[in-house]
Amino acid sequence: MLTKILAVILLLTITMVSPSTSYRLQINVLNQLSKGRKITVRCESKDDDLGSRRLVNGDVYSWSFSRNIFGTTLFWCDVATARSKKHLSFNAYDESQRKKGLPKLHELTWEIKDDGLYFAGFPMPIAPWVSE
């Protein structure tokens, strides 16, 4: 009898946790600099180094992941221009921001433009370029 009760509790616990963490989220980093300008994007988390990608205008660096059950998922990215004269850094996904009531989107797109970092669809830059 105790085994059956423990099995039901375990099943209920898995069911309660699964819906909030089981779906996958996708992050996109889009190079929208002036024609021909290249950037290098390096993204990682505490557990995963996604590596560097070189993007020409119009290229997208994308990855998907599932949130961890602890609610601490964080991915950050560093972006540098081709000759590393300018750079910017940003949190591509931060679970703590999601907890503060920000939209619960399943896909986030970041746009790298001549004047800085934009969240897709927003008219103002979120972070400017920093010169070396």
N, C-alpha and C. Protein backbone atom coordinates (compact mmCIF):
# COMPACT_ATOMS: atom_id res chain seq x y z
N MET A 1 0.81 -1.19 0.00
CA MET A 1 0.00 0.00 0.00
C MET A 1 0.87 1.26 0.00
N LEU A 2 1.90 1.28 0.83
CA LEU A 2 2.80 2.42 0.90
C LEU A 2 3.49 2.65 -0.44
N THR A 3 3.83 1.56 -1.13
CA THR A 3 4.47 1.67 -2.44
C THR A 3 3.53 2.34 -3.44
N LYS A 4 2.26 1.99 -3.41
CA LYS A 4 1.28 2.60 -4.32
C LYS A 4 1.12 4.09 -4.02
N ILE A 5 1.09 4.45 -2.76
CA ILE A 5 0.95 5.86 -2.39
C ILE A 5 2.17 6.66 -2.86
N LEU A 6 3.36 6.11 -2.64
CA LEU A 6 4.59 6.78 -3.09
C LEU A 6 4.62 6.91 -4.61
N ALA A 7 4.15 5.89 -5.30
CA ALA A 7 4.11 5.95 -6.77
C ALA A 7 3.15 7.04 -7.24
N VAL A 8 2.00 7.17 -6.60
CA VAL A 8 1.04 8.22 -6.96
C VAL A 8 1.63 9.59 -6.66
N ILE A 9 2.28 9.77 -5.52
CA ILE A 9 2.91 11.05 -5.18
C ILE A 9 3.98 11.39 -6.20
N LEU A 10 4.80 10.43 -6.57
CA LEU A 10 5.84 10.66 -7.56
C LEU A 10 5.24 11.05 -8.91
N LEU A 11 4.20 10.37 -9.33
CA LEU A 11 3.53 10.68 -10.59
C LEU A 11 2.93 12.09 -10.57
N LEU A 12 2.29 12.47 -9.48
CA LEU A 12 1.73 13.80 -9.35
C LEU A 12 2.81 14.88 -9.37
N THR A 13 3.92 14.61 -8.72
CA THR A 13 5.03 15.56 -8.69
C THR A 13 5.59 15.76 -10.09
N ILE A 14 5.79 14.69 -10.81
CA ILE A 14 6.30 14.79 -12.19
C ILE A 14 5.31 15.54 -13.06
N THR A 15 4.05 15.27 -12.91
CA THR A 15 3.01 15.94 -13.70
C THR A 15 2.99 17.43 -13.40
N MET A 16 3.14 17.81 -12.14
CA MET A 16 3.11 19.23 -11.77
C MET A 16 4.34 19.96 -12.28
N VAL A 17 5.49 19.33 -12.30
CA VAL A 17 6.73 19.98 -12.74
C VAL A 17 6.84 20.00 -14.25
N SER A 18 6.43 18.96 -14.91
CA SER A 18 6.63 18.82 -16.35
C SER A 18 6.09 19.94 -17.22
N PRO A 19 4.85 20.36 -17.08
CA PRO A 19 4.33 21.36 -18.01
C PRO A 19 5.13 22.64 -18.04
N SER A 20 5.68 23.07 -16.91
CA SER A 20 6.38 24.34 -16.87
C SER A 20 7.81 24.24 -17.41
N THR A 21 8.37 23.06 -17.45
CA THR A 21 9.77 22.94 -17.87
C THR A 21 9.97 22.08 -19.11
N SER A 22 8.95 21.36 -19.55
CA SER A 22 9.16 20.38 -20.61
C SER A 22 9.23 20.98 -22.01
N TYR A 23 8.56 22.11 -22.24
CA TYR A 23 8.61 22.67 -23.59
C TYR A 23 9.97 23.30 -23.84
N ARG A 24 10.31 23.40 -25.10
CA ARG A 24 11.60 23.96 -25.46
C ARG A 24 11.45 25.43 -25.84
N LEU A 25 12.44 26.20 -25.48
CA LEU A 25 12.49 27.61 -25.85
C LEU A 25 13.54 27.76 -26.93
N GLN A 26 13.37 28.73 -27.79
CA GLN A 26 14.34 28.99 -28.84
C GLN A 26 14.83 30.43 -28.74
N ILE A 27 16.13 30.58 -28.88
CA ILE A 27 16.77 31.89 -28.88
C ILE A 27 17.36 32.11 -30.27
N ASN A 28 17.16 33.32 -30.80
CA ASN A 28 17.72 33.70 -32.10
C ASN A 28 18.51 34.99 -31.91
N VAL A 29 19.72 35.03 -32.45
CA VAL A 29 20.52 36.25 -32.48
C VAL A 29 20.74 36.57 -33.96
N LEU A 30 20.23 37.71 -34.39
CA LEU A 30 20.20 38.07 -35.80
C LEU A 30 21.13 39.25 -36.09
N ASN A 31 22.02 39.08 -37.07
CA ASN A 31 22.88 40.18 -37.50
C ASN A 31 22.11 41.06 -38.47
N GLN A 32 21.79 42.28 -38.02
CA GLN A 32 21.12 43.25 -38.87
C GLN A 32 21.97 44.51 -39.04
N LEU A 33 23.28 44.32 -39.02
CA LEU A 33 24.19 45.44 -39.25
C LEU A 33 24.13 45.86 -40.72
N SER A 34 24.74 46.99 -41.01
CA SER A 34 24.81 47.45 -42.40
C SER A 34 25.39 46.36 -43.28
N LYS A 35 25.03 46.41 -44.53
CA LYS A 35 25.42 45.38 -45.50
C LYS A 35 26.92 45.09 -45.45
N GLY A 36 27.23 43.82 -45.35
CA GLY A 36 28.61 43.36 -45.40
C GLY A 36 29.34 43.35 -44.06
N ARG A 37 28.75 43.95 -43.02
CA ARG A 37 29.42 43.97 -41.71
C ARG A 37 29.24 42.63 -41.01
N LYS A 38 30.34 42.14 -40.44
CA LYS A 38 30.34 40.84 -39.77
C LYS A 38 30.48 41.01 -38.27
N ILE A 39 29.92 40.05 -37.54
CA ILE A 39 30.07 40.00 -36.09
C ILE A 39 30.42 38.58 -35.68
N THR A 40 31.02 38.47 -34.51
CA THR A 40 31.25 37.17 -33.89
C THR A 40 30.39 37.12 -32.64
N VAL A 41 29.60 36.06 -32.52
CA VAL A 41 28.70 35.89 -31.38
C VAL A 41 29.12 34.63 -30.64
N ARG A 42 29.30 34.77 -29.32
CA ARG A 42 29.62 33.62 -28.48
C ARG A 42 28.58 33.57 -27.37
N CYS A 43 27.88 32.44 -27.25
CA CYS A 43 26.83 32.29 -26.24
C CYS A 43 27.13 31.07 -25.37
N GLU A 44 26.72 31.19 -24.11
CA GLU A 44 26.94 30.08 -23.18
C GLU A 44 26.03 30.21 -21.97
N SER A 45 26.03 29.15 -21.19
CA SER A 45 25.34 29.13 -19.90
C SER A 45 26.35 28.58 -18.90
N LYS A 46 25.91 28.41 -17.67
CA LYS A 46 26.80 27.83 -16.67
C LYS A 46 27.22 26.41 -17.08
N ASP A 47 26.31 25.70 -17.74
CA ASP A 47 26.56 24.30 -18.10
C ASP A 47 26.98 24.06 -19.54
N ASP A 48 26.63 24.98 -20.44
CA ASP A 48 26.86 24.74 -21.87
C ASP A 48 27.56 25.91 -22.54
N ASP A 49 28.68 25.63 -23.19
CA ASP A 49 29.34 26.63 -24.03
C ASP A 49 28.89 26.32 -25.46
N LEU A 50 28.09 27.20 -26.02
CA LEU A 50 27.55 26.95 -27.36
C LEU A 50 28.54 27.31 -28.46
N GLY A 51 29.65 27.91 -28.09
CA GLY A 51 30.69 28.24 -29.06
C GLY A 51 30.47 29.56 -29.75
N SER A 52 31.41 29.90 -30.61
CA SER A 52 31.37 31.16 -31.35
C SER A 52 30.87 30.93 -32.76
N ARG A 53 30.16 31.90 -33.27
CA ARG A 53 29.71 31.86 -34.67
C ARG A 53 30.00 33.22 -35.29
N ARG A 54 30.44 33.19 -36.52
CA ARG A 54 30.65 34.42 -37.27
C ARG A 54 29.42 34.63 -38.15
N LEU A 55 28.80 35.78 -38.03
CA LEU A 55 27.58 36.07 -38.77
C LEU A 55 27.77 37.25 -39.70
N VAL A 56 27.37 37.08 -40.95
CA VAL A 56 27.31 38.21 -41.87
C VAL A 56 25.88 38.74 -41.83
N ASN A 57 25.66 39.89 -42.43
CA ASN A 57 24.35 40.51 -42.40
C ASN A 57 23.26 39.52 -42.82
N GLY A 58 22.22 39.40 -42.01
CA GLY A 58 21.10 38.51 -42.31
C GLY A 58 21.22 37.12 -41.69
N ASP A 59 22.43 36.74 -41.23
CA ASP A 59 22.60 35.42 -40.61
C ASP A 59 21.99 35.40 -39.22
N VAL A 60 21.58 34.18 -38.79
CA VAL A 60 20.98 33.98 -37.48
C VAL A 60 21.73 32.88 -36.74
N TYR A 61 22.01 33.11 -35.48
CA TYR A 61 22.58 32.11 -34.58
C TYR A 61 21.43 31.68 -33.68
N SER A 62 21.01 30.42 -33.77
CA SER A 62 19.84 29.93 -33.02
C SER A 62 20.19 28.68 -32.22
N TRP A 63 19.51 28.52 -31.10
CA TRP A 63 19.58 27.29 -30.33
C TRP A 63 18.29 27.16 -29.52
N SER A 64 18.01 25.93 -29.10
CA SER A 64 16.84 25.71 -28.27
C SER A 64 17.26 24.93 -27.03
N PHE A 65 16.44 25.02 -25.99
CA PHE A 65 16.77 24.39 -24.72
C PHE A 65 15.50 24.24 -23.90
N SER A 66 15.59 23.45 -22.86
CA SER A 66 14.51 23.34 -21.87
C SER A 66 14.99 24.00 -20.59
N ARG A 67 14.09 24.69 -19.92
CA ARG A 67 14.42 25.34 -18.66
C ARG A 67 14.71 24.28 -17.61
N ASN A 68 15.60 24.58 -16.67
CA ASN A 68 15.86 23.62 -15.61
C ASN A 68 14.77 23.70 -14.54
N ILE A 69 14.63 22.66 -13.76
CA ILE A 69 13.55 22.59 -12.77
C ILE A 69 13.78 23.52 -11.59
N PHE A 70 15.00 24.04 -11.45
CA PHE A 70 15.32 24.92 -10.33
C PHE A 70 14.96 26.38 -10.62
N GLY A 71 14.60 26.70 -11.87
CA GLY A 71 14.24 28.06 -12.22
C GLY A 71 15.43 29.00 -12.29
N THR A 72 16.60 28.46 -12.66
CA THR A 72 17.81 29.29 -12.70
C THR A 72 18.46 29.35 -14.08
N THR A 73 17.73 28.96 -15.11
CA THR A 73 18.30 28.94 -16.46
C THR A 73 18.74 30.34 -16.87
N LEU A 74 19.98 30.43 -17.36
CA LEU A 74 20.54 31.69 -17.81
C LEU A 74 21.49 31.43 -18.97
N PHE A 75 21.27 32.10 -20.09
CA PHE A 75 22.18 32.09 -21.23
C PHE A 75 22.61 33.52 -21.48
N TRP A 76 23.89 33.73 -21.70
CA TRP A 76 24.39 35.06 -22.03
C TRP A 76 25.22 35.00 -23.29
N CYS A 77 25.34 36.14 -23.95
CA CYS A 77 26.09 36.21 -25.21
C CYS A 77 27.01 37.43 -25.21
N ASP A 78 28.14 37.27 -25.86
CA ASP A 78 29.07 38.36 -26.14
C ASP A 78 29.13 38.51 -27.65
N VAL A 79 29.06 39.75 -28.11
CA VAL A 79 29.07 40.04 -29.54
C VAL A 79 30.21 41.02 -29.80
N ALA A 80 30.98 40.77 -30.84
CA ALA A 80 32.08 41.67 -31.22
C ALA A 80 32.04 41.89 -32.73
N THR A 81 32.41 43.10 -33.14
CA THR A 81 32.50 43.38 -34.57
C THR A 81 33.70 42.64 -35.14
N ALA A 82 33.79 42.60 -36.44
CA ALA A 82 34.81 41.80 -37.12
C ALA A 82 36.23 42.11 -36.64
N ARG A 83 36.53 43.35 -36.42
CA ARG A 83 37.88 43.71 -35.98
C ARG A 83 37.95 43.95 -34.47
N SER A 84 36.91 43.52 -33.76
CA SER A 84 36.80 43.64 -32.30
C SER A 84 36.98 45.06 -31.79
N LYS A 85 36.56 46.03 -32.59
CA LYS A 85 36.65 47.42 -32.14
C LYS A 85 35.46 47.81 -31.28
N LYS A 86 34.35 47.06 -31.41
CA LYS A 86 33.17 47.30 -30.59
C LYS A 86 32.65 45.95 -30.10
N HIS A 87 32.03 45.97 -28.93
CA HIS A 87 31.43 44.75 -28.42
C HIS A 87 30.22 45.10 -27.56
N LEU A 88 29.42 44.08 -27.29
CA LEU A 88 28.32 44.20 -26.34
C LEU A 88 28.04 42.83 -25.76
N SER A 89 27.48 42.83 -24.56
CA SER A 89 27.13 41.59 -23.87
C SER A 89 25.69 41.71 -23.38
N PHE A 90 25.00 40.57 -23.35
CA PHE A 90 23.62 40.59 -22.89
C PHE A 90 23.18 39.21 -22.44
N ASN A 91 22.15 39.18 -21.61
CA ASN A 91 21.53 37.92 -21.20
C ASN A 91 20.49 37.57 -22.25
N ALA A 92 20.75 36.51 -22.98
CA ALA A 92 19.82 36.08 -24.03
C ALA A 92 18.56 35.45 -23.44
N TYR A 93 18.71 34.80 -22.28
CA TYR A 93 17.57 34.26 -21.56
C TYR A 93 17.93 34.24 -20.09
N ASP A 94 17.06 34.81 -19.27
CA ASP A 94 17.28 34.86 -17.82
C ASP A 94 15.97 34.50 -17.13
N GLU A 95 15.94 33.33 -16.54
CA GLU A 95 14.73 32.86 -15.89
C GLU A 95 14.25 33.82 -14.80
N SER A 96 15.17 34.49 -14.13
CA SER A 96 14.76 35.41 -13.06
C SER A 96 13.95 36.58 -13.63
N GLN A 97 14.24 37.00 -14.87
CA GLN A 97 13.45 38.06 -15.50
C GLN A 97 12.06 37.55 -15.85
N ARG A 98 11.98 36.32 -16.23
CA ARG A 98 10.69 35.71 -16.57
C ARG A 98 9.78 35.69 -15.34
N LYS A 99 10.38 35.47 -14.18
CA LYS A 99 9.61 35.42 -12.94
C LYS A 99 9.08 36.80 -12.55
N LYS A 100 9.67 37.86 -13.10
CA LYS A 100 9.25 39.22 -12.75
C LYS A 100 8.08 39.70 -13.62
N GLY A 101 7.46 38.79 -14.36
CA GLY A 101 6.27 39.15 -15.10
C GLY A 101 6.51 39.51 -16.56
N LEU A 102 7.72 39.31 -17.06
CA LEU A 102 7.96 39.57 -18.48
C LEU A 102 7.20 38.54 -19.30
N PRO A 103 6.92 38.84 -20.56
CA PRO A 103 6.15 37.90 -21.39
C PRO A 103 6.78 36.51 -21.41
N LYS A 104 5.96 35.51 -21.34
CA LYS A 104 6.44 34.13 -21.35
C LYS A 104 6.43 33.60 -22.77
N LEU A 105 7.37 34.08 -23.55
CA LEU A 105 7.49 33.69 -24.95
C LEU A 105 8.25 32.38 -25.07
N HIS A 106 7.97 31.64 -26.12
CA HIS A 106 8.70 30.39 -26.38
C HIS A 106 9.83 30.62 -27.37
N GLU A 107 9.87 31.79 -27.96
CA GLU A 107 10.94 32.13 -28.90
C GLU A 107 11.32 33.59 -28.66
N LEU A 108 12.62 33.82 -28.46
CA LEU A 108 13.13 35.17 -28.24
C LEU A 108 14.11 35.50 -29.36
N THR A 109 13.93 36.65 -29.97
CA THR A 109 14.83 37.06 -31.05
C THR A 109 15.50 38.37 -30.67
N TRP A 110 16.83 38.35 -30.71
CA TRP A 110 17.66 39.52 -30.45
C TRP A 110 18.24 40.00 -31.77
N GLU A 111 18.18 41.29 -32.03
CA GLU A 111 18.69 41.85 -33.27
C GLU A 111 19.90 42.74 -32.97
N ILE A 112 20.98 42.47 -33.68
CA ILE A 112 22.19 43.27 -33.54
C ILE A 112 22.18 44.28 -34.68
N LYS A 113 22.09 45.57 -34.33
CA LYS A 113 22.02 46.63 -35.33
C LYS A 113 23.19 47.60 -35.16
N ASP A 114 23.31 48.54 -36.09
CA ASP A 114 24.43 49.48 -36.07
C ASP A 114 24.52 50.28 -34.77
N ASP A 115 23.38 50.53 -34.12
CA ASP A 115 23.42 51.33 -32.89
C ASP A 115 23.26 50.50 -31.62
N GLY A 116 23.23 49.17 -31.73
CA GLY A 116 23.20 48.34 -30.53
C GLY A 116 22.30 47.13 -30.62
N LEU A 117 21.93 46.64 -29.46
CA LEU A 117 21.13 45.43 -29.31
C LEU A 117 19.65 45.78 -29.16
N TYR A 118 18.80 45.07 -29.91
CA TYR A 118 17.36 45.27 -29.84
C TYR A 118 16.69 43.95 -29.53
N PHE A 119 15.57 44.02 -28.82
CA PHE A 119 14.69 42.87 -28.70
C PHE A 119 13.72 42.99 -29.86
N ALA A 120 13.52 41.94 -30.63
CA ALA A 120 12.72 42.00 -31.85
C ALA A 120 11.37 42.67 -31.60
N GLY A 121 11.08 43.64 -32.44
CA GLY A 121 9.80 44.32 -32.36
C GLY A 121 9.79 45.58 -31.51
N PHE A 122 10.84 45.81 -30.73
CA PHE A 122 10.91 47.01 -29.91
C PHE A 122 11.68 48.09 -30.64
N PRO A 123 11.23 49.35 -30.56
CA PRO A 123 11.83 50.42 -31.36
C PRO A 123 13.12 51.02 -30.80
N MET A 124 13.45 50.74 -29.54
CA MET A 124 14.63 51.35 -28.91
C MET A 124 15.67 50.28 -28.60
N PRO A 125 16.97 50.64 -28.73
CA PRO A 125 18.00 49.67 -28.38
C PRO A 125 18.00 49.38 -26.87
N ILE A 126 18.32 48.14 -26.53
CA ILE A 126 18.40 47.73 -25.13
C ILE A 126 19.80 47.97 -24.59
N ALA A 127 20.79 47.77 -25.43
CA ALA A 127 22.18 47.98 -25.02
C ALA A 127 22.96 48.55 -26.20
N PRO A 128 23.77 49.57 -25.95
CA PRO A 128 24.59 50.15 -27.02
C PRO A 128 25.89 49.37 -27.20
N TRP A 129 26.55 49.61 -28.32
CA TRP A 129 27.88 49.08 -28.53
C TRP A 129 28.85 49.77 -27.57
N VAL A 130 29.87 49.06 -27.13
CA VAL A 130 30.93 49.63 -26.31
C VAL A 130 32.19 49.59 -27.15
N SER A 131 32.88 50.75 -27.27
CA SER A 131 34.12 50.79 -28.04
C SER A 131 35.29 50.31 -27.21
N GLU A 132 36.22 49.63 -27.87
CA GLU A 132 37.42 49.14 -27.19
C GLU A 132 38.34 50.27 -26.87
